[in-house]
C-alpha atoms as a PDB file:
ATOM      1  CA  MET A   1      52.005  98.873 179.445  1.00  0.00           C
ATOM      2  CA  GLN A   2      54.438  99.402 176.602  1.00  0.00           C
ATOM      3  CA  SER A   3      55.845 102.587 176.112  1.00  0.00           C
ATOM      4  CA  ALA A   4      55.179 104.360 172.373  1.00  0.00           C
ATOM      5  CA  TYR A   5      59.174 105.109 172.075  1.00  0.00           C
ATOM      6  CA  GLN A   6      59.003 101.323 172.642  1.00  0.00           C
ATOM      7  CA  ARG A   7      56.417 100.525 169.678  1.00  0.00           C
ATOM      8  CA  TRP A   8      57.820 102.691 167.678  1.00  0.00           C
ATOM      9  CA  LEU A   9      61.358 101.207 168.184  1.00  0.00           C
ATOM     10  CA  LYS A  10      59.950  97.864 167.230  1.00  0.00           C
ATOM     11  CA  LEU A  11      58.172  99.157 164.159  1.00  0.00           C
ATOM     12  CA  PHE A  12      61.464 100.576 163.180  1.00  0.00           C
ATOM     13  CA  LEU A  13      63.648  97.719 163.779  1.00  0.00           C
ATOM     14  CA  PHE A  14      61.265  95.207 161.484  1.00  0.00           C
ATOM     15  CA  SER A  15      60.891  97.698 158.834  1.00  0.00           C
ATOM     16  CA  PHE A  16      64.596  98.580 158.535  1.00  0.00           C
ATOM     17  CA  GLY A  17      65.356  94.779 158.794  1.00  0.00           C
ATOM     18  CA  ILE A  18      62.800  93.939 155.323  1.00  0.00           C
ATOM     19  CA  ALA A  19      64.406  97.300 153.546  1.00  0.00           C
ATOM     20  CA  ILE A  20      68.179  95.798 154.390  1.00  0.00           C
ATOM     21  CA  ALA A  21      67.208  92.571 153.571  1.00  0.00           C
ATOM     22  CA  SER A  22      65.429  93.392 150.221  1.00  0.00           C
ATOM     23  CA  SER A  23      68.337  96.260 149.400  1.00  0.00           C
ATOM     24  CA  PHE A  24      71.057  93.030 148.944  1.00  0.00           C
ATOM     25  CA  ILE A  25      68.494  91.408 146.883  1.00  0.00           C
ATOM     26  CA  LEU A  26      68.121  94.661 144.764  1.00  0.00           C
ATOM     27  CA  GLN A  27      71.937  94.913 144.716  1.00  0.00           C
ATOM     28  CA  TRP A  28      72.681  92.091 143.092  1.00  0.00           C
ATOM     29  CA  LEU A  29      69.796  92.742 140.713  1.00  0.00           C
ATOM     30  CA  ALA A  30      71.582  95.885 139.658  1.00  0.00           C
ATOM     31  CA  GLY A  31      74.851  93.611 138.411  1.00  0.00           C
ATOM     32  CA  ASP A  32      72.925  92.826 135.219  1.00  0.00           C
ATOM     33  CA  PHE A  33      72.385  96.226 134.413  1.00  0.00           C
ATOM     34  CA  TRP A  34      74.191  96.485 131.002  1.00  0.00           C
ATOM     35  CA  LEU A  35      73.812  98.462 128.028  1.00  0.00           C
ATOM     36  CA  ASN A  36      76.286  98.302 125.200  1.00  0.00           C
ATOM     37  CA  ASN A  37      79.408  97.166 127.079  1.00  0.00           C
ATOM     38  CA  GLU A  38      78.018 100.588 129.593  1.00  0.00           C
ATOM     39  CA  LYS A  39      76.218  99.937 133.032  1.00  0.00           C
ATOM     40  CA  PHE A  40      73.051 102.013 133.906  1.00  0.00           C
ATOM     41  CA  SER A  41      71.572 102.396 137.095  1.00  0.00           C
ATOM     42  CA  ILE A  42      67.906 102.485 138.563  1.00  0.00           C
ATOM     43  CA  LEU A  43      68.952 105.566 140.204  1.00  0.00           C
ATOM     44  CA  GLY A  44      69.775 107.281 136.724  1.00  0.00           C
ATOM     45  CA  LEU A  45      66.529 105.944 134.999  1.00  0.00           C
ATOM     46  CA  GLU A  46      65.189 107.726 138.301  1.00  0.00           C
ATOM     47  CA  LEU A  47      66.760 110.774 138.536  1.00  0.00           C
ATOM     48  CA  PHE A  48      69.557 111.871 136.040  1.00  0.00           C
ATOM     49  CA  TYR A  49      68.992 110.047 132.846  1.00  0.00           C
ATOM     50  CA  SER A  50      66.862 112.549 130.047  1.00  0.00           C
ATOM     51  CA  LYS A  51      63.872 111.136 128.253  1.00  0.00           C
ATOM     52  CA  ARG A  52      65.970 110.288 125.522  1.00  0.00           C
ATOM     53  CA  GLN A  53      68.512 108.336 127.390  1.00  0.00           C
ATOM     54  CA  VAL A  54      65.433 106.288 129.208  1.00  0.00           C
ATOM     55  CA  ALA A  55      64.152 105.568 126.003  1.00  0.00           C
ATOM     56  CA  ASP A  56      67.279 103.943 124.621  1.00  0.00           C
ATOM     57  CA  VAL A  57      67.939 101.825 127.813  1.00  0.00           C
ATOM     58  CA  LEU A  58      64.643 100.630 127.730  1.00  0.00           C
ATOM     59  CA  THR A  59      64.416 100.427 124.217  1.00  0.00           C
ATOM     60  CA  HIS A  60      67.916  98.317 123.862  1.00  0.00           C
ATOM     61  CA  ILE A  61      68.624  96.432 126.504  1.00  0.00           C
ATOM     62  CA  ASP A  62      69.496  93.137 126.068  1.00  0.00           C
ATOM     63  CA  GLN A  63      67.240  90.095 127.368  1.00  0.00           C
ATOM     64  CA  SER A  64      69.084  89.523 130.899  1.00  0.00           C
ATOM     65  CA  ALA A  65      69.040  93.299 131.907  1.00  0.00           C
ATOM     66  CA  ARG A  66      65.359  93.699 130.949  1.00  0.00           C
ATOM     67  CA  ILE A  67      64.511  90.614 132.953  1.00  0.00           C
ATOM     68  CA  ALA A  68      66.667  91.899 135.698  1.00  0.00           C
ATOM     69  CA  LEU A  69      65.445  95.477 135.622  1.00  0.00           C
ATOM     70  CA  ASN A  70      61.802  93.965 135.623  1.00  0.00           C
ATOM     71  CA  TYR A  71      62.479  91.848 139.103  1.00  0.00           C
ATOM     72  CA  GLN A  72      64.304  95.051 140.354  1.00  0.00           C
ATOM     73  CA  LEU A  73      61.273  97.253 139.833  1.00  0.00           C
ATOM     74  CA  ILE A  74      58.979  94.278 141.194  1.00  0.00           C
ATOM     75  CA  PHE A  75      61.148  93.436 144.142  1.00  0.00           C
ATOM     76  CA  ASP A  76      61.396  97.393 144.907  1.00  0.00           C
ATOM     77  CA  PHE A  77      57.946  97.072 146.260  1.00  0.00           C
ATOM     78  CA  VAL A  78      59.376  95.035 148.960  1.00  0.00           C
ATOM     79  CA  PHE A  79      61.832  97.674 149.662  1.00  0.00           C
ATOM     80  CA  MET A  80      59.076  99.859 149.446  1.00  0.00           C
ATOM     81  CA  ALA A  81      57.211  98.053 152.550  1.00  0.00           C
ATOM     82  CA  GLY A  82      60.179  98.483 154.687  1.00  0.00           C
ATOM     83  CA  ILE A  83      62.157 101.677 153.808  1.00  0.00           C
ATOM     84  CA  TYR A  84      58.717 104.001 154.261  1.00  0.00           C
ATOM     85  CA  PRO A  85      57.433 102.704 157.070  1.00  0.00           C
ATOM     86  CA  ALA A  86      61.143 102.940 158.982  1.00  0.00           C
ATOM     87  CA  ILE A  87      61.138 106.390 158.156  1.00  0.00           C
ATOM     88  CA  ALA A  88      57.936 107.237 159.516  1.00  0.00           C
ATOM     89  CA  SER A  89      58.700 105.124 162.700  1.00  0.00           C
ATOM     90  CA  LEU A  90      62.135 106.997 163.114  1.00  0.00           C
ATOM     91  CA  CYS A  91      60.093 110.296 163.042  1.00  0.00           C
ATOM     92  CA  MET A  92      58.182 109.255 165.575  1.00  0.00           C
ATOM     93  CA  ILE A  93      60.798 108.088 167.543  1.00  0.00           C
ATOM     94  CA  ALA A  94      62.685 111.449 167.440  1.00  0.00           C
ATOM     95  CA  ARG A  95      59.628 113.085 168.261  1.00  0.00           C
ATOM     96  CA  GLU A  96      58.982 111.282 171.660  1.00  0.00           C
ATOM     97  CA  LYS A  97      62.311 112.484 172.577  1.00  0.00           C
ATOM     98  CA  GLN A  98      61.866 116.206 171.725  1.00  0.00           C
ATOM     99  CA  HIS A  99      59.767 118.482 173.384  1.00  0.00           C
ATOM    100  CA  ALA A 100      59.188 121.405 171.698  1.00  0.00           C
ATOM    101  CA  SER A 101      55.979 121.627 169.796  1.00  0.00           C
ATOM    102  CA  GLY A 102      57.429 123.244 166.763  1.00  0.00           C
ATOM    103  CA  VAL A 103      59.766 120.142 166.012  1.00  0.00           C
ATOM    104  CA  ARG A 104      57.280 117.808 167.469  1.00  0.00           C
ATOM    105  CA  ASN A 105      54.676 118.608 164.845  1.00  0.00           C
ATOM    106  CA  PHE A 106      57.329 119.286 162.185  1.00  0.00           C
ATOM    107  CA  LEU A 107      58.247 115.813 163.010  1.00  0.00           C
ATOM    108  CA  PHE A 108      54.993 113.928 162.845  1.00  0.00           C
ATOM    109  CA  ALA A 109      54.266 115.917 159.360  1.00  0.00           C
ATOM    110  CA  MET A 110      57.225 114.181 157.909  1.00  0.00           C
ATOM    111  CA  ALA A 111      55.778 110.636 159.601  1.00  0.00           C
ATOM    112  CA  MET A 112      52.759 111.560 158.021  1.00  0.00           C
ATOM    113  CA  LEU A 113      54.232 112.372 154.465  1.00  0.00           C
ATOM    114  CA  GLN A 114      55.901 109.158 154.291  1.00  0.00           C
ATOM    115  CA  PRO A 115      52.772 107.410 152.809  1.00  0.00           C
ATOM    116  CA  VAL A 116      52.925 109.871 150.018  1.00  0.00           C
ATOM    117  CA  ALA A 117      56.433 109.254 149.261  1.00  0.00           C
ATOM    118  CA  TRP A 118      55.640 105.813 148.946  1.00  0.00           C
ATOM    119  CA  ALA A 119      52.721 106.160 146.736  1.00  0.00           C
ATOM    120  CA  PHE A 120      54.962 108.263 144.729  1.00  0.00           C
ATOM    121  CA  ASP A 121      57.385 105.223 144.653  1.00  0.00           C
ATOM    122  CA  VAL A 122      54.488 103.178 143.460  1.00  0.00           C
ATOM    123  CA  THR A 123      53.589 105.340 140.884  1.00  0.00           C
ATOM    124  CA  GLU A 124      57.274 105.343 139.267  1.00  0.00           C
ATOM    125  CA  ASN A 125      57.760 101.575 139.476  1.00  0.00           C
ATOM    126  CA  ILE A 126      54.390 101.301 137.688  1.00  0.00           C
ATOM    127  CA  TYR A 127      55.306 103.911 135.059  1.00  0.00           C
ATOM    128  CA  LEU A 128      58.841 102.247 134.873  1.00  0.00           C
ATOM    129  CA  LEU A 129      57.189  98.812 134.216  1.00  0.00           C
ATOM    130  CA  ASN A 130      54.606  99.970 131.858  1.00  0.00           C
ATOM    131  CA  TRP A 131      57.666 101.882 129.831  1.00  0.00           C
ATOM    132  CA  LEU A 132      59.836  98.753 130.175  1.00  0.00           C
ATOM    133  CA  GLU A 133      56.929  96.494 128.290  1.00  0.00           C
ATOM    134  CA  LYS A 134      55.879  99.480 125.805  1.00  0.00           C
ATOM    135  CA  PRO A 135      58.990 101.542 125.835  1.00  0.00           C
ATOM    136  CA  GLU A 136      57.012 104.949 124.109  1.00  0.00           C
ATOM    137  CA  ILE A 137      57.356 107.489 126.559  1.00  0.00           C
ATOM    138  CA  GLY A 138      54.865 110.176 126.439  1.00  0.00           C
ATOM    139  CA  ASP A 139      54.206 113.345 127.565  1.00  0.00           C
ATOM    140  CA  ASP A 140      53.736 112.035 131.074  1.00  0.00           C
ATOM    141  CA  PHE A 141      57.867 111.971 131.599  1.00  0.00           C
ATOM    142  CA  GLY A 142      57.512 115.275 133.180  1.00  0.00           C
ATOM    143  CA  MET A 143      54.893 114.032 135.594  1.00  0.00           C
ATOM    144  CA  TYR A 144      57.167 110.923 136.261  1.00  0.00           C
ATOM    145  CA  HIS A 145      60.281 112.923 137.271  1.00  0.00           C
ATOM    146  CA  ASN A 146      58.214 115.528 139.690  1.00  0.00           C
ATOM    147  CA  LEU A 147      57.061 112.345 141.350  1.00  0.00           C
ATOM    148  CA  VAL A 148      60.732 110.861 141.791  1.00  0.00           C
ATOM    149  CA  ALA A 149      61.921 114.319 142.413  1.00  0.00           C
ATOM    150  CA  ALA A 150      59.255 114.664 145.156  1.00  0.00           C
ATOM    151  CA  LYS A 151      59.633 111.180 146.894  1.00  0.00           C
ATOM    152  CA  TRP A 152      63.272 112.006 147.267  1.00  0.00           C
ATOM    153  CA  ILE A 153      63.021 114.835 148.847  1.00  0.00           C
ATOM    154  CA  ILE A 154      60.136 113.897 151.478  1.00  0.00           C
ATOM    155  CA  ALA A 155      61.955 110.450 152.354  1.00  0.00           C
ATOM    156  CA  LEU A 156      65.521 112.136 152.564  1.00  0.00           C
ATOM    157  CA  VAL A 157      64.100 115.169 154.560  1.00  0.00           C
ATOM    158  CA  GLY A 158      62.113 112.914 157.271  1.00  0.00           C
ATOM    159  CA  SER A 159      65.026 110.605 157.454  1.00  0.00           C
ATOM    160  CA  VAL A 160      67.747 113.063 157.898  1.00  0.00           C
ATOM    161  CA  SER A 161      65.717 115.289 159.784  1.00  0.00           C
ATOM    162  CA  ALA A 162      64.720 112.177 162.231  1.00  0.00           C
ATOM    163  CA  ILE A 163      68.778 111.193 163.109  1.00  0.00           C
ATOM    164  CA  LEU A 164      70.055 114.653 163.325  1.00  0.00           C
ATOM    165  CA  PHE A 165      66.809 115.243 165.749  1.00  0.00           C
ATOM    166  CA  ILE A 166      67.909 112.334 167.562  1.00  0.00           C
ATOM    167  CA  LEU A 167      71.817 112.812 167.509  1.00  0.00           C
ATOM    168  CA  PHE A 168      71.579 116.267 168.647  1.00  0.00           C
ATOM    169  CA  ARG A 169      68.697 116.498 171.398  1.00  0.00           C
ATOM    170  CA  LYS A 170      69.103 118.485 173.772  1.00  0.00           C
ATOM    171  CA  LYS A 171      69.445 116.790 177.368  1.00  0.00           C
ATOM    172  CA  SER A 172      66.785 116.684 179.621  1.00  0.00           C
ATOM    173  CA  SER A 173      67.347 118.207 182.656  1.00  0.00           C
ATOM    174  CA  LYS A 174      65.878 115.092 184.445  1.00  0.00           C
ATOM    175  CA  ALA A 175      68.071 112.407 183.965  1.00  0.00           C
END
């Protein structure tokens, strides 16, 4: 019978492979993100641009940039299908190597929160796709930014903590 660790490792490798492969396509599409001879970024649209800047980008980009952004937002769904299961499985891999119940519970909670981050990411893309089609950003921009921030916090805390617990776990005396 296969151990839980081995099952989580297989899921991690498969999911991470999807995330890596799709990230190459996302990066290629981002090469067309230009507005008035200045580059804009999806990360800027997510986190750093104001409501006015997002509206300006979505209103004034040319057709080739609009098509590239639309494709990137659609293809981001494939990336999501890889990255969130990869983070969750990484948390479970780290959990399998821990003995302290508090650490195990924390890693389990972080794994279980990845579908929440995924749902926030889906919602974020739906907002952007709708705004790309009709660039009238209403009062829901604050909600959009909160979802994006929560998504990033959940994903980063889950992945960084899992990596740290894997790298710095205490060696068992049963070596």
